Structures are given as structure tokens and as C-alpha cells.
C-alpha atoms as a PDB file:
ATOM      1  CA  UNK A   1     -26.736  -9.746-122.798  1.00  0.00           C
ATOM      2  CA  UNK A   2     -26.720  -8.693-126.445  1.00  0.00           C
ATOM      3  CA  UNK A   3     -28.502 -10.892-128.976  1.00  0.00           C
ATOM      4  CA  UNK A   4     -27.828 -12.342-132.420  1.00  0.00           C
ATOM      5  CA  UNK A   5     -30.878 -12.271-134.683  1.00  0.00           C
ATOM      6  CA  UNK A   6     -33.776 -11.840-132.277  1.00  0.00           C
ATOM      7  CA  UNK A   7     -34.339  -8.054-132.293  1.00  0.00           C
ATOM      8  CA  UNK A   8     -32.777  -6.318-135.318  1.00  0.00           C
ATOM      9  CA  UNK A   9     -32.298  -3.202-133.206  1.00  0.00           C
ATOM     10  CA  UNK A  10     -30.482  -5.012-130.405  1.00  0.00           C
ATOM     11  CA  UNK A  11     -26.667  -4.882-130.259  1.00  0.00           C
ATOM     12  CA  UNK A  12     -24.915  -7.959-131.577  1.00  0.00           C
ATOM     13  CA  UNK A  13     -23.507 -10.366-129.001  1.00  0.00           C
ATOM     14  CA  UNK A  14     -19.744  -9.893-128.647  1.00  0.00           C
ATOM     15  CA  UNK A  15     -17.848 -13.180-129.172  1.00  0.00           C
ATOM     16  CA  UNK A  16     -14.264 -14.245-128.523  1.00  0.00           C
ATOM     17  CA  UNK A  17     -13.124 -17.488-130.172  1.00  0.00           C
ATOM     18  CA  UNK A  18     -10.338 -19.735-128.881  1.00  0.00           C
ATOM     19  CA  UNK A  19      -8.828 -22.112-131.490  1.00  0.00           C
ATOM     20  CA  UNK A  20      -6.102 -24.736-131.283  1.00  0.00           C
ATOM     21  CA  UNK A  21      -4.433 -25.539-134.614  1.00  0.00           C
ATOM     22  CA  UNK A  22      -3.053 -28.795-133.176  1.00  0.00           C
ATOM     23  CA  UNK A  23      -6.581 -30.155-132.656  1.00  0.00           C
ATOM     24  CA  UNK A  24      -8.122 -32.680-135.009  1.00  0.00           C
ATOM     25  CA  UNK A  25     -10.285 -30.535-137.328  1.00  0.00           C
ATOM     26  CA  UNK A  26      -8.856 -27.081-136.725  1.00  0.00           C
ATOM     27  CA  UNK A  27      -7.206 -26.125-139.999  1.00  0.00           C
ATOM     28  CA  UNK A  28      -7.345 -22.691-141.641  1.00  0.00           C
ATOM     29  CA  UNK A  29     -10.340 -23.591-143.825  1.00  0.00           C
ATOM     30  CA  UNK A  30     -12.328 -24.842-140.800  1.00  0.00           C
ATOM     31  CA  UNK A  31     -11.663 -21.629-138.872  1.00  0.00           C
ATOM     32  CA  UNK A  32     -12.640 -19.511-141.901  1.00  0.00           C
ATOM     33  CA  UNK A  33     -15.907 -21.455-142.229  1.00  0.00           C
ATOM     34  CA  UNK A  34     -16.558 -20.825-138.561  1.00  0.00           C
ATOM     35  CA  UNK A  35     -15.893 -17.076-138.922  1.00  0.00           C
ATOM     36  CA  UNK A  36     -18.383 -16.964-141.797  1.00  0.00           C
ATOM     37  CA  UNK A  37     -20.977 -18.822-139.724  1.00  0.00           C
ATOM     38  CA  UNK A  38     -20.650 -16.332-136.846  1.00  0.00           C
ATOM     39  CA  UNK A  39     -21.146 -13.452-139.309  1.00  0.00           C
ATOM     40  CA  UNK A  40     -24.194 -15.087-140.918  1.00  0.00           C
ATOM     41  CA  UNK A  41     -25.715 -15.816-137.511  1.00  0.00           C
ATOM     42  CA  UNK A  42     -25.435 -12.174-136.507  1.00  0.00           C
ATOM     43  CA  UNK A  43     -22.658 -12.383-133.906  1.00  0.00           C
ATOM     44  CA  UNK A  44     -19.805  -9.897-133.535  1.00  0.00           C
ATOM     45  CA  UNK A  45     -16.676 -12.061-133.595  1.00  0.00           C
ATOM     46  CA  UNK A  46     -14.207  -9.554-132.170  1.00  0.00           C
ATOM     47  CA  UNK A  47     -11.142 -11.625-131.354  1.00  0.00           C
ATOM     48  CA  UNK A  48      -9.585 -15.001-132.189  1.00  0.00           C
ATOM     49  CA  UNK A  49      -7.108 -16.437-129.674  1.00  0.00           C
ATOM     50  CA  UNK A  50      -4.646 -19.093-130.873  1.00  0.00           C
ATOM     51  CA  UNK A  51      -4.263 -21.493-127.946  1.00  0.00           C
ATOM     52  CA  UNK A  52      -1.797 -22.367-126.440  1.00  0.00           C
ATOM     53  CA  UNK A  53       0.312 -19.464-127.764  1.00  0.00           C
ATOM     54  CA  UNK A  54      -2.458 -17.171-126.540  1.00  0.00           C
ATOM     55  CA  UNK A  55      -3.432 -18.152-122.978  1.00  0.00           C
ATOM     56  CA  UNK A  56      -7.037 -19.050-122.208  1.00  0.00           C
ATOM     57  CA  UNK A  57      -8.817 -15.909-120.899  1.00  0.00           C
ATOM     58  CA  UNK A  58      -9.967 -15.570-117.288  1.00  0.00           C
ATOM     59  CA  UNK A  59     -13.181 -13.934-115.986  1.00  0.00           C
ATOM     60  CA  UNK A  60     -11.478 -10.592-115.305  1.00  0.00           C
ATOM     61  CA  UNK A  61     -10.157 -10.310-118.867  1.00  0.00           C
ATOM     62  CA  UNK A  62     -13.504 -11.330-120.367  1.00  0.00           C
ATOM     63  CA  UNK A  63     -15.479  -8.868-118.243  1.00  0.00           C
ATOM     64  CA  UNK A  64     -13.047  -6.023-118.951  1.00  0.00           C
ATOM     65  CA  UNK A  65     -13.531  -6.583-122.692  1.00  0.00           C
ATOM     66  CA  UNK A  66     -17.325  -6.854-122.387  1.00  0.00           C
ATOM     67  CA  UNK A  67     -17.442 -10.348-123.907  1.00  0.00           C
ATOM     68  CA  UNK A  68     -20.906 -11.943-124.057  1.00  0.00           C
ATOM     69  CA  UNK A  69     -19.945 -15.383-125.401  1.00  0.00           C
ATOM     70  CA  UNK A  70     -16.596 -17.142-125.172  1.00  0.00           C
ATOM     71  CA  UNK A  71     -16.355 -19.921-127.751  1.00  0.00           C
ATOM     72  CA  UNK A  72     -13.792 -22.707-127.883  1.00  0.00           C
ATOM     73  CA  UNK A  73     -13.053 -24.653-131.079  1.00  0.00           C
ATOM     74  CA  UNK A  74     -10.678 -27.486-130.209  1.00  0.00           C
ATOM     75  CA  UNK A  75     -10.419 -30.933-128.703  1.00  0.00           C
ATOM     76  CA  UNK A  76     -11.398 -32.068-125.221  1.00  0.00           C
ATOM     77  CA  UNK A  77      -8.023 -31.028-123.755  1.00  0.00           C
ATOM     78  CA  UNK A  78      -8.250 -27.488-125.155  1.00  0.00           C
ATOM     79  CA  UNK A  79     -11.852 -27.244-123.993  1.00  0.00           C
ATOM     80  CA  UNK A  80     -10.770 -28.332-120.512  1.00  0.00           C
ATOM     81  CA  UNK A  81      -8.192 -25.525-120.359  1.00  0.00           C
ATOM     82  CA  UNK A  82     -10.590 -22.848-121.600  1.00  0.00           C
ATOM     83  CA  UNK A  83     -13.519 -23.825-119.373  1.00  0.00           C
ATOM     84  CA  UNK A  84     -11.410 -24.156-116.232  1.00  0.00           C
ATOM     85  CA  UNK A  85      -9.713 -20.807-116.929  1.00  0.00           C
ATOM     86  CA  UNK A  86     -13.153 -19.171-117.249  1.00  0.00           C
ATOM     87  CA  UNK A  87     -14.465 -20.975-114.123  1.00  0.00           C
ATOM     88  CA  UNK A  88     -16.863 -18.694-112.240  1.00  0.00           C
ATOM     89  CA  UNK A  89     -17.401 -16.300-115.179  1.00  0.00           C
ATOM     90  CA  UNK A  90     -20.933 -14.911-115.545  1.00  0.00           C
ATOM     91  CA  UNK A  91     -21.011 -14.979-119.352  1.00  0.00           C
ATOM     92  CA  UNK A  92     -21.862 -17.884-121.662  1.00  0.00           C
ATOM     93  CA  UNK A  93     -19.335 -20.399-122.980  1.00  0.00           C
ATOM     94  CA  UNK A  94     -19.925 -22.063-126.356  1.00  0.00           C
ATOM     95  CA  UNK A  95     -18.141 -25.401-126.868  1.00  0.00           C
ATOM     96  CA  UNK A  96     -17.687 -26.296-130.556  1.00  0.00           C
ATOM     97  CA  UNK A  97     -16.361 -29.639-131.905  1.00  0.00           C
ATOM     98  CA  UNK A  98     -12.848 -29.036-133.223  1.00  0.00           C
ATOM     99  CA  UNK A  99     -10.905 -32.091-132.034  1.00  0.00           C
ATOM    100  CA  UNK A 100     -10.912 -35.866-132.278  1.00  0.00           C
ATOM    101  CA  UNK A 101     -13.443 -36.946-129.652  1.00  0.00           C
ATOM    102  CA  UNK A 102     -15.507 -33.770-128.960  1.00  0.00           C
ATOM    103  CA  UNK A 103     -17.355 -35.472-126.110  1.00  0.00           C
ATOM    104  CA  UNK A 104     -18.556 -32.315-124.349  1.00  0.00           C
ATOM    105  CA  UNK A 105     -19.677 -30.695-127.609  1.00  0.00           C
ATOM    106  CA  UNK A 106     -21.727 -33.804-128.420  1.00  0.00           C
ATOM    107  CA  UNK A 107     -23.273 -33.719-124.956  1.00  0.00           C
ATOM    108  CA  UNK A 108     -24.362 -30.104-125.458  1.00  0.00           C
ATOM    109  CA  UNK A 109     -25.279 -30.093-129.164  1.00  0.00           C
ATOM    110  CA  UNK A 110     -25.453 -33.654-130.463  1.00  0.00           C
ATOM    111  CA  UNK A 111     -23.155 -34.845-133.256  1.00  0.00           C
ATOM    112  CA  UNK A 112     -23.386 -31.609-135.278  1.00  0.00           C
ATOM    113  CA  UNK A 113     -20.620 -29.728-137.175  1.00  0.00           C
ATOM    114  CA  UNK A 114     -19.371 -26.488-135.612  1.00  0.00           C
ATOM    115  CA  UNK A 115     -20.669 -24.025-138.276  1.00  0.00           C
ATOM    116  CA  UNK A 116     -24.114 -25.647-138.134  1.00  0.00           C
ATOM    117  CA  UNK A 117     -24.211 -25.179-134.345  1.00  0.00           C
ATOM    118  CA  UNK A 118     -23.382 -21.468-134.724  1.00  0.00           C
ATOM    119  CA  UNK A 119     -26.028 -20.932-137.416  1.00  0.00           C
ATOM    120  CA  UNK A 120     -28.617 -22.713-135.274  1.00  0.00           C
ATOM    121  CA  UNK A 121     -27.672 -20.551-132.309  1.00  0.00           C
ATOM    122  CA  UNK A 122     -28.378 -17.454-134.375  1.00  0.00           C
ATOM    123  CA  UNK A 123     -31.973 -18.636-134.904  1.00  0.00           C
ATOM    124  CA  UNK A 124     -32.853 -19.477-131.303  1.00  0.00           C
ATOM    125  CA  UNK A 125     -32.903 -17.850-127.873  1.00  0.00           C
ATOM    126  CA  UNK A 126     -29.666 -18.385-125.999  1.00  0.00           C
ATOM    127  CA  UNK A 127     -30.008 -21.483-123.805  1.00  0.00           C
ATOM    128  CA  UNK A 128     -27.382 -22.543-121.277  1.00  0.00           C
ATOM    129  CA  UNK A 129     -26.835 -25.438-118.890  1.00  0.00           C
ATOM    130  CA  UNK A 130     -24.579 -26.244-115.964  1.00  0.00           C
ATOM    131  CA  UNK A 131     -24.044 -29.982-116.433  1.00  0.00           C
ATOM    132  CA  UNK A 132     -22.671 -32.283-113.763  1.00  0.00           C
ATOM    133  CA  UNK A 133     -18.910 -32.784-114.082  1.00  0.00           C
ATOM    134  CA  UNK A 134     -16.106 -34.568-112.229  1.00  0.00           C
ATOM    135  CA  UNK A 135     -14.499 -32.862-109.237  1.00  0.00           C
ATOM    136  CA  UNK A 136     -11.118 -34.212-108.083  1.00  0.00           C
ATOM    137  CA  UNK A 137      -7.940 -33.098-106.347  1.00  0.00           C
ATOM    138  CA  UNK A 138      -6.527 -32.434-109.830  1.00  0.00           C
ATOM    139  CA  UNK A 139      -9.383 -30.088-110.711  1.00  0.00           C
ATOM    140  CA  UNK A 140     -12.356 -30.521-113.002  1.00  0.00           C
ATOM    141  CA  UNK A 141     -13.124 -33.279-115.500  1.00  0.00           C
ATOM    142  CA  UNK A 142     -15.646 -32.206-118.133  1.00  0.00           C
ATOM    143  CA  UNK A 143     -15.748 -35.390-120.209  1.00  0.00           C
ATOM    144  CA  UNK A 144     -14.210 -38.070-118.020  1.00  0.00           C
ATOM    145  CA  UNK A 145     -11.233 -39.641-116.305  1.00  0.00           C
ATOM    146  CA  UNK A 146      -9.268 -42.752-117.250  1.00  0.00           C
ATOM    147  CA  UNK A 147      -7.123 -44.543-114.679  1.00  0.00           C
ATOM    148  CA  UNK A 148      -4.811 -47.549-114.838  1.00  0.00           C
ATOM    149  CA  UNK A 149      -1.946 -48.847-116.994  1.00  0.00           C
ATOM    150  CA  UNK A 150      -4.221 -48.548-120.035  1.00  0.00           C
ATOM    151  CA  UNK A 151      -3.576 -44.787-119.986  1.00  0.00           C
ATOM    152  CA  UNK A 152      -0.327 -45.570-121.824  1.00  0.00           C
ATOM    153  CA  UNK A 153      -2.485 -45.617-124.967  1.00  0.00           C
ATOM    154  CA  UNK A 154      -2.414 -41.817-124.748  1.00  0.00           C
ATOM    155  CA  UNK A 155       1.200 -41.999-125.939  1.00  0.00           C
ATOM    156  CA  UNK A 156       0.040 -43.937-128.998  1.00  0.00           C
ATOM    157  CA  UNK A 157      -2.505 -41.218-129.710  1.00  0.00           C
ATOM    158  CA  UNK A 158       0.149 -38.498-129.412  1.00  0.00           C
ATOM    159  CA  UNK A 159       2.501 -40.386-131.734  1.00  0.00           C
ATOM    160  CA  UNK A 160      -0.316 -40.703-134.277  1.00  0.00           C
ATOM    161  CA  UNK A 161      -1.054 -36.986-133.986  1.00  0.00           C
ATOM    162  CA  UNK A 162       2.648 -36.188-134.573  1.00  0.00           C
ATOM    163  CA  UNK A 163       2.856 -38.727-137.437  1.00  0.00           C
ATOM    164  CA  UNK A 164       6.003 -40.139-135.818  1.00  0.00           C
ATOM    165  CA  UNK A 165       6.180 -43.665-137.242  1.00  0.00           C
ATOM    166  CA  UNK A 166       9.093 -44.903-135.118  1.00  0.00           C
ATOM    167  CA  UNK A 167       7.539 -43.541-131.936  1.00  0.00           C
ATOM    168  CA  UNK A 168       4.165 -44.907-133.041  1.00  0.00           C
ATOM    169  CA  UNK A 169       5.477 -48.471-133.403  1.00  0.00           C
ATOM    170  CA  UNK A 170       7.438 -48.256-130.140  1.00  0.00           C
ATOM    171  CA  UNK A 171       4.567 -46.791-128.152  1.00  0.00           C
ATOM    172  CA  UNK A 172       2.120 -49.340-129.563  1.00  0.00           C
ATOM    173  CA  UNK A 173       4.315 -52.235-128.405  1.00  0.00           C
ATOM    174  CA  UNK A 174       4.709 -50.587-125.009  1.00  0.00           C
ATOM    175  CA  UNK A 175       0.967 -49.968-124.740  1.00  0.00           C
ATOM    176  CA  UNK A 176       0.107 -53.614-125.404  1.00  0.00           C
ATOM    177  CA  UNK A 177       2.722 -54.795-122.907  1.00  0.00           C
ATOM    178  CA  UNK A 178       1.929 -52.225-120.226  1.00  0.00           C
ATOM    179  CA  UNK A 179      -1.855 -52.554-120.422  1.00  0.00           C
ATOM    180  CA  UNK A 180      -1.511 -56.347-120.211  1.00  0.00           C
ATOM    181  CA  UNK A 181       0.992 -56.625-117.357  1.00  0.00           C
ATOM    182  CA  UNK A 182       0.929 -53.255-115.541  1.00  0.00           C
ATOM    183  CA  UNK A 183      -0.472 -52.859-111.981  1.00  0.00           C
ATOM    184  CA  UNK A 184      -4.271 -52.905-112.118  1.00  0.00           C
ATOM    185  CA  UNK A 185      -6.776 -50.559-110.465  1.00  0.00           C
ATOM    186  CA  UNK A 186      -9.920 -51.464-108.538  1.00  0.00           C
ATOM    187  CA  UNK A 187     -13.109 -49.572-107.802  1.00  0.00           C
ATOM    188  CA  UNK A 188     -13.239 -49.441-103.980  1.00  0.00           C
ATOM    189  CA  UNK A 189     -16.122 -49.044-101.487  1.00  0.00           C
ATOM    190  CA  UNK A 190     -18.753 -50.512-103.810  1.00  0.00           C
ATOM    191  CA  UNK A 191     -19.259 -53.914-105.396  1.00  0.00           C
ATOM    192  CA  UNK A 192     -17.498 -52.946-108.588  1.00  0.00           C
ATOM    193  CA  UNK A 193     -16.626 -55.830-110.890  1.00  0.00           C
ATOM    194  CA  UNK A 194     -13.483 -57.934-110.831  1.00  0.00           C
ATOM    195  CA  UNK A 195     -11.692 -58.282-107.501  1.00  0.00           C
ATOM    196  CA  UNK A 196      -8.285 -58.371-109.197  1.00  0.00           C
ATOM    197  CA  UNK A 197      -9.049 -55.058-110.911  1.00  0.00           C
ATOM    198  CA  UNK A 198      -8.745 -53.684-114.404  1.00  0.00           C
ATOM    199  CA  UNK A 199      -6.161 -52.423-116.828  1.00  0.00           C
ATOM    200  CA  UNK A 200      -8.284 -49.295-117.217  1.00  0.00           C
ATOM    201  CA  UNK A 201     -11.327 -47.799-115.513  1.00  0.00           C
ATOM    202  CA  UNK A 202     -13.202 -44.912-117.093  1.00  0.00           C
ATOM    203  CA  UNK A 203     -15.283 -42.469-115.048  1.00  0.00           C
ATOM    204  CA  UNK A 204     -17.694 -40.342-117.078  1.00  0.00           C
ATOM    205  CA  UNK A 205     -19.994 -37.642-115.651  1.00  0.00           C
ATOM    206  CA  UNK A 206     -23.719 -37.722-116.394  1.00  0.00           C
ATOM    207  CA  UNK A 207     -26.506 -35.820-114.676  1.00  0.00           C
ATOM    208  CA  UNK A 208     -27.492 -39.085-112.944  1.00  0.00           C
ATOM    209  CA  UNK A 209     -24.055 -39.900-111.547  1.00  0.00           C
ATOM    210  CA  UNK A 210     -20.523 -40.924-112.431  1.00  0.00           C
ATOM    211  CA  UNK A 211     -20.660 -43.818-114.883  1.00  0.00           C
ATOM    212  CA  UNK A 212     -17.793 -46.254-114.310  1.00  0.00           C
ATOM    213  CA  UNK A 213     -16.629 -48.935-116.751  1.00  0.00           C
ATOM    214  CA  UNK A 214     -13.789 -51.437-116.358  1.00  0.00           C
ATOM    215  CA  UNK A 215     -11.552 -52.707-119.172  1.00  0.00           C
ATOM    216  CA  UNK A 216      -9.553 -55.842-118.419  1.00  0.00           C
ATOM    217  CA  UNK A 217      -6.098 -56.472-119.790  1.00  0.00           C
ATOM    218  CA  UNK A 218      -7.085 -59.262-122.161  1.00  0.00           C
ATOM    219  CA  UNK A 219      -9.712 -57.131-123.872  1.00  0.00           C
ATOM    220  CA  UNK A 220      -7.271 -54.235-124.389  1.00  0.00           C
ATOM    221  CA  UNK A 221      -4.680 -56.528-125.928  1.00  0.00           C
ATOM    222  CA  UNK A 222      -7.287 -58.222-128.143  1.00  0.00           C
ATOM    223  CA  UNK A 223      -8.778 -54.886-129.139  1.00  0.00           C
ATOM    224  CA  UNK A 224      -5.358 -53.485-130.032  1.00  0.00           C
ATOM    225  CA  UNK A 225      -4.500 -56.635-131.941  1.00  0.00           C
ATOM    226  CA  UNK A 226      -7.459 -55.989-134.220  1.00  0.00           C
ATOM    227  CA  UNK A 227      -6.135 -52.500-134.937  1.00  0.00           C
ATOM    228  CA  UNK A 228      -9.469 -50.948-134.031  1.00  0.00           C
ATOM    229  CA  UNK A 229      -8.157 -49.055-131.018  1.00  0.00           C
ATOM    230  CA  UNK A 230      -5.490 -47.422-133.132  1.00  0.00           C
ATOM    231  CA  UNK A 231      -7.874 -46.402-135.876  1.00  0.00           C
ATOM    232  CA  UNK A 232     -10.363 -44.891-133.455  1.00  0.00           C
ATOM    233  CA  UNK A 233      -7.653 -43.566-131.102  1.00  0.00           C
ATOM    234  CA  UNK A 234      -9.800 -44.783-128.247  1.00  0.00           C
ATOM    235  CA  UNK A 235     -10.745 -48.156-126.761  1.00  0.00           C
ATOM    236  CA  UNK A 236     -13.860 -47.098-124.846  1.00  0.00           C
ATOM    237  CA  UNK A 237     -16.141 -48.901-127.292  1.00  0.00           C
ATOM    238  CA  UNK A 238     -14.316 -52.173-126.647  1.00  0.00           C
ATOM    239  CA  UNK A 239     -15.330 -55.078-124.363  1.00  0.00           C
ATOM    240  CA  UNK A 240     -15.839 -53.919-120.784  1.00  0.00           C
ATOM    241  CA  UNK A 241     -17.689 -54.438-117.504  1.00  0.00           C
ATOM    242  CA  UNK A 242     -20.297 -51.869-116.502  1.00  0.00           C
ATOM    243  CA  UNK A 243     -19.486 -50.772-112.957  1.00  0.00           C
ATOM    244  CA  UNK A 244     -22.590 -48.691-112.285  1.00  0.00           C
ATOM    245  CA  UNK A 245     -23.517 -45.072-111.485  1.00  0.00           C
ATOM    246  CA  UNK A 246     -22.111 -43.423-108.366  1.00  0.00           C
ATOM    247  CA  UNK A 247     -21.965 -40.002-106.705  1.00  0.00           C
ATOM    248  CA  UNK A 248     -18.385 -40.765-105.644  1.00  0.00           C
ATOM    249  CA  UNK A 249     -15.875 -43.169-107.180  1.00  0.00           C
ATOM    250  CA  UNK A 250     -12.697 -44.171-105.302  1.00  0.00           C
ATOM    251  CA  UNK A 251     -10.060 -45.963-107.341  1.00  0.00           C
ATOM    252  CA  UNK A 252      -7.151 -47.810-105.734  1.00  0.00           C
ATOM    253  CA  UNK A 253      -4.059 -49.593-107.050  1.00  0.00           C
ATOM    254  CA  UNK A 254      -3.688 -52.693-104.791  1.00  0.00           C
ATOM    255  CA  UNK A 255      -0.036 -53.061-105.827  1.00  0.00           C
ATOM    256  CA  UNK A 256       0.678 -49.754-104.078  1.00  0.00           C
ATOM    257  CA  UNK A 257       1.986 -48.034-107.197  1.00  0.00           C
ATOM    258  CA  UNK A 258       0.883 -44.626-108.568  1.00  0.00           C
ATOM    259  CA  UNK A 259      -1.772 -45.188-111.216  1.00  0.00           C
ATOM    260  CA  UNK A 260      -1.731 -43.791-114.718  1.00  0.00           C
ATOM    261  CA  UNK A 261      -4.307 -41.012-114.983  1.00  0.00           C
ATOM    262  CA  UNK A 262      -5.890 -39.012-117.782  1.00  0.00           C
ATOM    263  CA  UNK A 263      -8.532 -36.319-117.222  1.00  0.00           C
ATOM    264  CA  UNK A 264     -10.247 -34.958-120.335  1.00  0.00           C
ATOM    265  CA  UNK A 265      -7.558 -36.776-122.313  1.00  0.00           C
ATOM    266  CA  UNK A 266      -4.647 -34.969-120.641  1.00  0.00           C
ATOM    267  CA  UNK A 267      -2.106 -36.765-118.394  1.00  0.00           C
ATOM    268  CA  UNK A 268      -1.930 -36.114-114.640  1.00  0.00           C
ATOM    269  CA  UNK A 269       0.257 -37.547-111.878  1.00  0.00           C
ATOM    270  CA  UNK A 270      -1.908 -40.254-110.359  1.00  0.00           C
ATOM    271  CA  UNK A 271      -1.466 -41.530-106.814  1.00  0.00           C
ATOM    272  CA  UNK A 272      -2.056 -44.970-105.295  1.00  0.00           C
ATOM    273  CA  UNK A 273      -5.610 -43.817-104.567  1.00  0.00           C
ATOM    274  CA  UNK A 274      -7.793 -41.276-106.394  1.00  0.00           C
ATOM    275  CA  UNK A 275     -11.311 -40.048-105.587  1.00  0.00           C
ATOM    276  CA  UNK A 276     -13.766 -38.525-108.067  1.00  0.00           C
ATOM    277  CA  UNK A 277     -17.004 -36.794-107.071  1.00  0.00           C
ATOM    278  CA  UNK A 278     -19.996 -35.529-109.036  1.00  0.00           C
ATOM    279  CA  UNK A 279     -20.522 -31.769-108.932  1.00  0.00           C
ATOM    280  CA  UNK A 280     -21.859 -28.893-111.050  1.00  0.00           C
ATOM    281  CA  UNK A 281     -20.015 -26.976-113.737  1.00  0.00           C
ATOM    282  CA  UNK A 282     -19.439 -23.399-112.540  1.00  0.00           C
ATOM    283  CA  UNK A 283     -19.799 -21.821-115.981  1.00  0.00           C
ATOM    284  CA  UNK A 284     -22.929 -21.487-118.134  1.00  0.00           C
ATOM    285  CA  UNK A 285     -22.398 -23.707-121.192  1.00  0.00           C
ATOM    286  CA  UNK A 286     -24.418 -22.944-124.310  1.00  0.00           C
ATOM    287  CA  UNK A 287     -26.615 -25.797-125.495  1.00  0.00           C
ATOM    288  CA  UNK A 288     -28.542 -26.022-128.749  1.00  0.00           C
ATOM    289  CA  UNK A 289     -30.539 -29.113-127.829  1.00  0.00           C
ATOM    290  CA  UNK A 290     -32.651 -30.051-124.872  1.00  0.00           C
ATOM    291  CA  UNK A 291     -29.985 -30.964-122.331  1.00  0.00           C
ATOM    292  CA  UNK A 292     -30.183 -34.666-121.482  1.00  0.00           C
ATOM    293  CA  UNK A 293     -26.868 -35.260-119.679  1.00  0.00           C
END
């Protein structure tokens, strides 16, 4: 592979950048700052793809163009699309924080701004990791899955993103009602918290296992009532039960209804039962810190 600033005589690493203007911190100025950082770090930024208008590239397209590093600057949903499209590619994939949560970027680089990550990368040997991720019948989960009626909060997030006040008020009322009274989900096969289940269960991959946490209906309603969930666009810091680390997590809706399901923040059609397993990422992800899962 070509290099950035190691050997002045070496060819510069060829980079493609995927951006999503709908993501949280992806405006024109942010992209320009990122382009400048790539230039300063000694990379050859040869193409910018505007996702989703430009589709995420696959291994064949990347190899045909001789790309060394594919970089994605967007939120967790955009990152999910780009990484899964490049699944099995032999090059290196650089995840940069360009959305609201940026959970995978933080796992790989710490809480560091995108241009700073690029500049740091230009000063160090290229290091990559293949972290443990979620494998499910829906595909891969890079940052986590959320199951249960609490997934309705995703509609609140989308209304906030669209700055649709009427939809925001409506979806907030619905979210409080649905997460309080909707059919709960339980963590099966293991001694996993409340027998009557939870309004939401999160499953997050770490190198030690799938970390499960349960959020009960009362806590979601209380949390929303404080307004904190809406400000942060996420309730995962709220009151919850720790449900342990597992290699496999099987979630079931005892009421026999399909469960709400988000993977990497994007909605999927959940069934009455869903199984998540720990498995490796099949793409080399660039890391600028010692990888700690």
C-alpha cells in the first residue's frame, strides 16, 4: 500500500471519501476542512462520493480504481452502509465522526474531531483492526442493536433532524405512550433481568462479548419527561439494568408480536424472536489509538 508521510519518495495513498450531507456535522465547511486535512497529511484524495445519491462502493469498484483507503464521514447509519458494502475488501476503511452519535469512530479513535484524526494518521504508520461486531439475520451491526417498543424514539430523532415541529410533538407523545404500554421484550436463555421484560434492550458489541442493557418503561417515560432524551437524541445513558456480556443474545417478545428493531440506528422489520451473535468485522478498519474494544 502507498503511504502518506513516511517515505517522501513513496507514492501517496489514494483515498476515496464518502460523505452524507444529511448527517449531523457534515456541512460544506466541515467537508472542506476535511479535504484540507487530507492534503496536509499527504494523502491523495481522488474522489468524493455524496451518499446516498452516490451509492456506497463495493470491493470490485474500489480495486478497479486502485483505492488504498476508503473513508466515510457520516453518522452511524451511513457508516453501516459503507462498511457493509465494502465487506470483504482487502483495503483499509477509515471511519470519521460526521454524525450525531459516531459510536464506531469513537471506538476506533477516541472522541477526536475528523480533521485531527486525518492529520494524526499522516504522522503514524497505518494501523488497522477487525473489531468484534454483531451478526444477525438482518446483516451486520457495527455499533449496536436496539429492540422493543422503545425503538419508536427513532421517529422522534428523525422529526428533530427534519425540524418538523408538528411531527416532533406528535411523535414525542406517541413515543412516551408506546414505550410505556407497548409489548415488552425479554432476554431469553440466560438469567437476564426482569421476567416481565423491558421497553427496550440494547445489544452493543465489544471484544469481550455482546453487552446487553434493559430499559424499563417507567424509566423511559421519566427520562423523556425530563426532556433529556430529546436533547441528547438517545436514552442509553438513562436508568437501566445491566444484563451482562454474552456471545449470543436471543430476544423474545412474550406477547407474540413483532418487536421494534434498530441496527446501527436504522429501522429493520423485527420478528417475535431475534438472535444476535458476536463475530469479526470482515474489513480492516483504521485505528489511531491502541484498540481497546
